[in-house]
Every structure is written in C-alpha cells, then in structure tokens.
C-alpha cells in the first residue's frame, strides 16, 4: 500500500517509491508481471509507470531484462 499525507501529495514521492520498487523487483528478482488493486484516486499513480486495466485490478508486464528465466 502506498499512501501520502495530503500536504505531501502531488510532489512525486509515491511515484518515486513505486518506480524504485518495480525496478528492484524486475531487476533483482526477475519479476515480469505485476498486479495490484487500486482505488480510483490512485489510478494516475499506477498508469504512469504502465499499469493498465480496471482500477480494481491493474496489471503491468515488463520484459525480462535481467537474464532471469
């Protein structure tokens, strides 16, 4: 779950954390499929890094670039 206090929203903090986590999981762990459940307010946060689908179940597939099977 990602949350930001109202006074810290719209500054890119949550996006930075989400992007770093996705990159780490893909590069270090070889994860290529990400699924999440998100509320309507979070839709823009997850669409920017490539998640698609309905807001209650969003999915992002990333090609395996790290050499993991």
PDB file of N, CA and C in Angstrom:
ATOM      1  N   UNK A   1       0.850  -1.169   0.000  1.00  0.00           N
ATOM      2  CA  UNK A   1       0.000   0.000   0.000  1.00  0.00           C
ATOM      3  C   UNK A   1       0.896   1.232   0.000  1.00  0.00           C
ATOM      4  N   UNK A   2       0.533   2.185  -0.810  1.00  0.00           N
ATOM      5  CA  UNK A   2       1.257   3.448  -0.876  1.00  0.00           C
ATOM      6  C   UNK A   2       0.287   4.538  -0.453  1.00  0.00           C
ATOM      7  N   UNK A   3       0.732   5.374   0.469  1.00  0.00           N
ATOM      8  CA  UNK A   3      -0.101   6.483   0.917  1.00  0.00           C
ATOM      9  C   UNK A   3       0.794   7.684   1.193  1.00  0.00           C
ATOM     10  N   UNK A   4       0.264   8.849   0.946  1.00  0.00           N
ATOM     11  CA  UNK A   4       0.979  10.089   1.251  1.00  0.00           C
ATOM     12  C   UNK A   4       0.036  11.020   1.998  1.00  0.00           C
ATOM     13  N   UNK A   5       0.557  11.667   3.002  1.00  0.00           N
ATOM     14  CA  UNK A   5      -0.250  12.636   3.722  1.00  0.00           C
ATOM     15  C   UNK A   5      -0.646  13.744   2.751  1.00  0.00           C
ATOM     16  N   UNK A   6      -1.826  14.318   2.944  1.00  0.00           N
ATOM     17  CA  UNK A   6      -2.320  15.314   1.995  1.00  0.00           C
ATOM     18  C   UNK A   6      -1.337  16.444   1.692  1.00  0.00           C
ATOM     19  N   UNK A   7      -0.611  16.909   2.672  1.00  0.00           N
ATOM     20  CA  UNK A   7       0.299  18.024   2.417  1.00  0.00           C
ATOM     21  C   UNK A   7       1.536  17.635   1.603  1.00  0.00           C
ATOM     22  N   UNK A   8       1.750  16.328   1.422  1.00  0.00           N
ATOM     23  CA  UNK A   8       2.895  15.848   0.634  1.00  0.00           C
ATOM     24  C   UNK A   8       2.485  15.227  -0.697  1.00  0.00           C
ATOM     25  N   UNK A   9       1.208  15.291  -1.035  1.00  0.00           N
ATOM     26  CA  UNK A   9       0.745  14.726  -2.299  1.00  0.00           C
ATOM     27  C   UNK A   9       1.112  15.615  -3.474  1.00  0.00           C
ATOM     28  N   UNK A  10       1.161  14.992  -4.650  1.00  0.00           N
ATOM     29  CA  UNK A  10       1.419  15.693  -5.917  1.00  0.00           C
ATOM     30  C   UNK A  10       2.846  16.256  -5.993  1.00  0.00           C
ATOM     31  N   UNK A  11       3.768  15.609  -5.271  1.00  0.00           N
ATOM     32  CA  UNK A  11       5.170  16.021  -5.316  1.00  0.00           C
ATOM     33  C   UNK A  11       6.066  14.934  -5.894  1.00  0.00           C
ATOM     34  N   UNK A  12       5.483  13.784  -6.257  1.00  0.00           N
ATOM     35  CA  UNK A  12       6.257  12.719  -6.868  1.00  0.00           C
ATOM     36  C   UNK A  12       6.851  11.712  -5.912  1.00  0.00           C
ATOM     37  N   UNK A  13       6.604  11.848  -4.605  1.00  0.00           N
ATOM     38  CA  UNK A  13       7.188  10.931  -3.637  1.00  0.00           C
ATOM     39  C   UNK A  13       6.666   9.504  -3.812  1.00  0.00           C
ATOM     40  N   UNK A  14       5.360   9.343  -3.896  1.00  0.00           N
ATOM     41  CA  UNK A  14       4.784   7.999  -4.057  1.00  0.00           C
ATOM     42  C   UNK A  14       5.226   7.384  -5.383  1.00  0.00           C
ATOM     43  N   UNK A  15       5.252   8.168  -6.431  1.00  0.00           N
ATOM     44  CA  UNK A  15       5.686   7.675  -7.739  1.00  0.00           C
ATOM     45  C   UNK A  15       7.140   7.200  -7.684  1.00  0.00           C
ATOM     46  N   UNK A  16       7.996   7.935  -6.997  1.00  0.00           N
ATOM     47  CA  UNK A  16       9.399   7.545  -6.859  1.00  0.00           C
ATOM     48  C   UNK A  16       9.521   6.218  -6.130  1.00  0.00           C
ATOM     49  N   UNK A  17       8.763   6.036  -5.062  1.00  0.00           N
ATOM     50  CA  UNK A  17       8.801   4.788  -4.303  1.00  0.00           C
ATOM     51  C   UNK A  17       8.283   3.626  -5.143  1.00  0.00           C
ATOM     52  N   UNK A  18       7.164   3.820  -5.824  1.00  0.00           N
ATOM     53  CA  UNK A  18       6.588   2.756  -6.656  1.00  0.00           C
ATOM     54  C   UNK A  18       7.546   2.380  -7.783  1.00  0.00           C
ATOM     55  N   UNK A  19       8.120   3.358  -8.446  1.00  0.00           N
ATOM     56  CA  UNK A  19       9.047   3.081  -9.544  1.00  0.00           C
ATOM     57  C   UNK A  19      10.281   2.337  -9.049  1.00  0.00           C
ATOM     58  N   UNK A  20      10.834   2.758  -7.917  1.00  0.00           N
ATOM     59  CA  UNK A  20      12.006   2.077  -7.356  1.00  0.00           C
ATOM     60  C   UNK A  20      11.676   0.631  -6.995  1.00  0.00           C
ATOM     61  N   UNK A  21      10.506   0.395  -6.423  1.00  0.00           N
ATOM     62  CA  UNK A  21      10.106  -0.964  -6.070  1.00  0.00           C
ATOM     63  C   UNK A  21       9.931  -1.830  -7.313  1.00  0.00           C
ATOM     64  N   UNK A  22       9.250  -1.318  -8.324  1.00  0.00           N
ATOM     65  CA  UNK A  22       9.054  -2.077  -9.562  1.00  0.00           C
ATOM     66  C   UNK A  22      10.391  -2.398 -10.221  1.00  0.00           C
ATOM     67  N   UNK A  23      11.292  -1.433 -10.271  1.00  0.00           N
ATOM     68  CA  UNK A  23      12.607  -1.663 -10.859  1.00  0.00           C
ATOM     69  C   UNK A  23      13.391  -2.712 -10.076  1.00  0.00           C
ATOM     70  N   UNK A  24      13.358  -2.613  -8.757  1.00  0.00           N
ATOM     71  CA  UNK A  24      14.079  -3.592  -7.935  1.00  0.00           C
ATOM     72  C   UNK A  24      13.529  -4.999  -8.153  1.00  0.00           C
ATOM     73  N   UNK A  25      12.224  -5.146  -8.102  1.00  0.00           N
ATOM     74  CA  UNK A  25      11.629  -6.467  -8.275  1.00  0.00           C
ATOM     75  C   UNK A  25      11.928  -7.037  -9.650  1.00  0.00           C
ATOM     76  N   UNK A  26      11.919  -6.206 -10.668  1.00  0.00           N
ATOM     77  CA  UNK A  26      12.205  -6.676 -12.022  1.00  0.00           C
ATOM     78  C   UNK A  26      13.682  -7.016 -12.187  1.00  0.00           C
ATOM     79  N   UNK A  27      14.562  -6.157 -11.714  1.00  0.00           N
ATOM     80  CA  UNK A  27      15.994  -6.347 -11.928  1.00  0.00           C
ATOM     81  C   UNK A  27      16.602  -7.377 -10.986  1.00  0.00           C
ATOM     82  N   UNK A  28      16.300  -7.295  -9.712  1.00  0.00           N
ATOM     83  CA  UNK A  28      16.931  -8.173  -8.726  1.00  0.00           C
ATOM     84  C   UNK A  28      16.231  -9.518  -8.580  1.00  0.00           C
ATOM     85  N   UNK A  29      14.924  -9.524  -8.784  1.00  0.00           N
ATOM     86  CA  UNK A  29      14.153 -10.744  -8.559  1.00  0.00           C
ATOM     87  C   UNK A  29      13.642 -11.382  -9.843  1.00  0.00           C
ATOM     88  N   UNK A  30      13.749 -10.697 -10.958  1.00  0.00           N
ATOM     89  CA  UNK A  30      13.292 -11.247 -12.225  1.00  0.00           C
ATOM     90  C   UNK A  30      11.786 -11.228 -12.416  1.00  0.00           C
ATOM     91  N   UNK A  31      11.069 -10.416 -11.653  1.00  0.00           N
ATOM     92  CA  UNK A  31       9.618 -10.331 -11.758  1.00  0.00           C
ATOM     93  C   UNK A  31       9.260  -9.599 -13.044  1.00  0.00           C
ATOM     94  N   UNK A  32       8.340 -10.176 -13.815  1.00  0.00           N
ATOM     95  CA  UNK A  32       7.926  -9.545 -15.066  1.00  0.00           C
ATOM     96  C   UNK A  32       6.433  -9.220 -15.117  1.00  0.00           C
ATOM     97  N   UNK A  33       5.651  -9.725 -14.184  1.00  0.00           N
ATOM     98  CA  UNK A  33       4.216  -9.441 -14.156  1.00  0.00           C
ATOM     99  C   UNK A  33       3.861  -8.858 -12.803  1.00  0.00           C
ATOM    100  N   UNK A  34       3.231  -7.682 -12.829  1.00  0.00           N
ATOM    101  CA  UNK A  34       2.821  -7.009 -11.603  1.00  0.00           C
ATOM    102  C   UNK A  34       1.316  -6.824 -11.659  1.00  0.00           C
ATOM    103  N   UNK A  35       0.626  -7.178 -10.580  1.00  0.00           N
ATOM    104  CA  UNK A  35      -0.808  -6.954 -10.473  1.00  0.00           C
ATOM    105  C   UNK A  35      -1.076  -6.244  -9.159  1.00  0.00           C
ATOM    106  N   UNK A  36      -2.056  -5.367  -9.169  1.00  0.00           N
ATOM    107  CA  UNK A  36      -2.402  -4.673  -7.939  1.00  0.00           C
ATOM    108  C   UNK A  36      -3.862  -4.283  -7.952  1.00  0.00           C
ATOM    109  N   UNK A  37      -4.349  -4.015  -6.777  1.00  0.00           N
ATOM    110  CA  UNK A  37      -5.698  -3.487  -6.594  1.00  0.00           C
ATOM    111  C   UNK A  37      -5.533  -2.045  -6.146  1.00  0.00           C
ATOM    112  N   UNK A  38      -6.218  -1.128  -6.823  1.00  0.00           N
ATOM    113  CA  UNK A  38      -6.060   0.286  -6.522  1.00  0.00           C
ATOM    114  C   UNK A  38      -7.400   0.989  -6.524  1.00  0.00           C
ATOM    115  N   UNK A  39      -7.499   2.002  -5.691  1.00  0.00           N
ATOM    116  CA  UNK A  39      -8.687   2.833  -5.674  1.00  0.00           C
ATOM    117  C   UNK A  39      -8.652   3.839  -6.810  1.00  0.00           C
ATOM    118  N   UNK A  40      -9.755   4.496  -7.024  1.00  0.00           N
ATOM    119  CA  UNK A  40      -9.877   5.465  -8.116  1.00  0.00           C
ATOM    120  C   UNK A  40      -8.845   6.589  -7.975  1.00  0.00           C
ATOM    121  N   UNK A  41      -8.596   7.048  -6.740  1.00  0.00           N
ATOM    122  CA  UNK A  41      -7.650   8.138  -6.540  1.00  0.00           C
ATOM    123  C   UNK A  41      -6.236   7.754  -6.951  1.00  0.00           C
ATOM    124  N   UNK A  42      -5.894   6.472  -6.854  1.00  0.00           N
ATOM    125  CA  UNK A  42      -4.535   6.004  -7.157  1.00  0.00           C
ATOM    126  C   UNK A  42      -4.328   5.683  -8.633  1.00  0.00           C
ATOM    127  N   UNK A  43      -5.366   5.700  -9.427  1.00  0.00           N
ATOM    128  CA  UNK A  43      -5.266   5.330 -10.839  1.00  0.00           C
ATOM    129  C   UNK A  43      -4.153   6.075 -11.571  1.00  0.00           C
ATOM    130  N   UNK A  44      -4.043   7.391 -11.479  1.00  0.00           N
ATOM    131  CA  UNK A  44      -2.963   8.084 -12.207  1.00  0.00           C
ATOM    132  C   UNK A  44      -1.564   7.661 -11.747  1.00  0.00           C
ATOM    133  N   UNK A  45      -1.405   7.397 -10.462  1.00  0.00           N
ATOM    134  CA  UNK A  45      -0.108   6.976  -9.946  1.00  0.00           C
ATOM    135  C   UNK A  45       0.376   5.708 -10.622  1.00  0.00           C
ATOM    136  N   UNK A  46      -0.519   4.764 -10.841  1.00  0.00           N
ATOM    137  CA  UNK A  46      -0.125   3.479 -11.416  1.00  0.00           C
ATOM    138  C   UNK A  46      -0.161   3.465 -12.942  1.00  0.00           C
ATOM    139  N   UNK A  47      -0.952   4.321 -13.537  1.00  0.00           N
ATOM    140  CA  UNK A  47      -0.982   4.363 -15.007  1.00  0.00           C
ATOM    141  C   UNK A  47       0.314   4.931 -15.580  1.00  0.00           C
ATOM    142  N   UNK A  48       0.917   5.894 -14.914  1.00  0.00           N
ATOM    143  CA  UNK A  48       2.163   6.498 -15.418  1.00  0.00           C
ATOM    144  C   UNK A  48       3.251   5.460 -15.642  1.00  0.00           C
ATOM    145  N   UNK A  49       3.496   4.517 -14.717  1.00  0.00           N
ATOM    146  CA  UNK A  49       4.549   3.521 -14.974  1.00  0.00           C
ATOM    147  C   UNK A  49       4.080   2.340 -15.821  1.00  0.00           C
ATOM    148  N   UNK A  50       2.869   2.413 -16.381  1.00  0.00           N
ATOM    149  CA  UNK A  50       2.473   1.411 -17.353  1.00  0.00           C
ATOM    150  C   UNK A  50       1.400   0.429 -16.947  1.00  0.00           C
ATOM    151  N   UNK A  51       0.792   0.576 -15.778  1.00  0.00           N
ATOM    152  CA  UNK A  51      -0.291  -0.328 -15.388  1.00  0.00           C
ATOM    153  C   UNK A  51      -1.524  -0.021 -16.224  1.00  0.00           C
ATOM    154  N   UNK A  52      -2.226  -1.065 -16.604  1.00  0.00           N
ATOM    155  CA  UNK A  52      -3.443  -0.937 -17.412  1.00  0.00           C
ATOM    156  C   UNK A  52      -4.538  -1.785 -16.785  1.00  0.00           C
ATOM    157  N   UNK A  53      -5.754  -1.527 -17.203  1.00  0.00           N
ATOM    158  CA  UNK A  53      -6.883  -2.318 -16.743  1.00  0.00           C
ATOM    159  C   UNK A  53      -7.807  -1.497 -15.877  1.00  0.00           C
ATOM    160  N   UNK A  54      -8.756  -2.172 -15.299  1.00  0.00           N
ATOM    161  CA  UNK A  54      -9.726  -1.550 -14.402  1.00  0.00           C
ATOM    162  C   UNK A  54      -9.023  -1.197 -13.103  1.00  0.00           C
ATOM    163  N   UNK A  55      -9.478  -0.158 -12.444  1.00  0.00           N
ATOM    164  CA  UNK A  55      -8.783   0.294 -11.238  1.00  0.00           C
ATOM    165  C   UNK A  55      -8.794  -0.726 -10.115  1.00  0.00           C
ATOM    166  N   UNK A  56      -9.762  -1.639 -10.102  1.00  0.00           N
ATOM    167  CA  UNK A  56      -9.759  -2.616  -9.021  1.00  0.00           C
ATOM    168  C   UNK A  56      -8.759  -3.741  -9.266  1.00  0.00           C
ATOM    169  N   UNK A  57      -8.356  -3.965 -10.503  1.00  0.00           N
ATOM    170  CA  UNK A  57      -7.280  -4.912 -10.801  1.00  0.00           C
ATOM    171  C   UNK A  57      -6.493  -4.359 -11.974  1.00  0.00           C
ATOM    172  N   UNK A  58      -5.303  -3.914 -11.692  1.00  0.00           N
ATOM    173  CA  UNK A  58      -4.454  -3.348 -12.730  1.00  0.00           C
ATOM    174  C   UNK A  58      -3.264  -4.273 -12.937  1.00  0.00           C
ATOM    175  N   UNK A  59      -2.722  -4.295 -14.149  1.00  0.00           N
ATOM    176  CA  UNK A  59      -1.648  -5.217 -14.491  1.00  0.00           C
ATOM    177  C   UNK A  59      -0.596  -4.505 -15.325  1.00  0.00           C
ATOM    178  N   UNK A  60       0.658  -4.881 -15.091  1.00  0.00           N
ATOM    179  CA  UNK A  60       1.789  -4.345 -15.860  1.00  0.00           C
ATOM    180  C   UNK A  60       2.717  -5.507 -16.158  1.00  0.00           C
ATOM    181  N   UNK A  61       3.109  -5.650 -17.393  1.00  0.00           N
ATOM    182  CA  UNK A  61       4.066  -6.678 -17.787  1.00  0.00           C
ATOM    183  C   UNK A  61       5.331  -5.989 -18.263  1.00  0.00           C
ATOM    184  N   UNK A  62       6.448  -6.455 -17.772  1.00  0.00           N
ATOM    185  CA  UNK A  62       7.726  -5.881 -18.156  1.00  0.00           C
ATOM    186  C   UNK A  62       8.595  -6.978 -18.753  1.00  0.00           C
ATOM    187  N   UNK A  63       9.195  -6.751 -19.868  1.00  0.00           N
ATOM    188  CA  UNK A  63      10.084  -7.765 -20.443  1.00  0.00           C
ATOM    189  C   UNK A  63      11.199  -8.099 -19.475  1.00  0.00           C
ATOM    190  N   UNK A  64      11.610  -9.356 -19.471  1.00  0.00           N
ATOM    191  CA  UNK A  64      12.691  -9.806 -18.603  1.00  0.00           C
ATOM    192  C   UNK A  64      14.013  -9.332 -19.180  1.00  0.00           C
ATOM    193  N   UNK A  65      14.658  -8.377 -18.506  1.00  0.00           N
ATOM    194  CA  UNK A  65      15.929  -7.831 -18.983  1.00  0.00           C
ATOM    195  C   UNK A  65      17.105  -8.246 -18.136  1.00  0.00           C
ATOM    196  N   UNK A  66      16.856  -8.953 -17.044  1.00  0.00           N
ATOM    197  CA  UNK A  66      17.935  -9.241 -16.107  1.00  0.00           C
ATOM    198  C   UNK A  66      18.604 -10.582 -16.310  1.00  0.00           C
ATOM    199  N   UNK A  67      18.134 -11.375 -17.269  1.00  0.00           N
ATOM    200  CA  UNK A  67      18.724 -12.683 -17.513  1.00  0.00           C
ATOM    201  C   UNK A  67      18.105 -13.803 -16.686  1.00  0.00           C
ATOM    202  N   UNK A  68      17.125 -13.451 -15.825  1.00  0.00           N
ATOM    203  CA  UNK A  68      16.418 -14.495 -15.078  1.00  0.00           C
ATOM    204  C   UNK A  68      15.475 -15.223 -16.029  1.00  0.00           C
ATOM    205  N   UNK A  69      15.234 -16.516 -15.785  1.00  0.00           N
ATOM    206  CA  UNK A  69      14.303 -17.260 -16.656  1.00  0.00           C
ATOM    207  C   UNK A  69      12.884 -16.743 -16.567  1.00  0.00           C
TER     208      UNK A  69
END
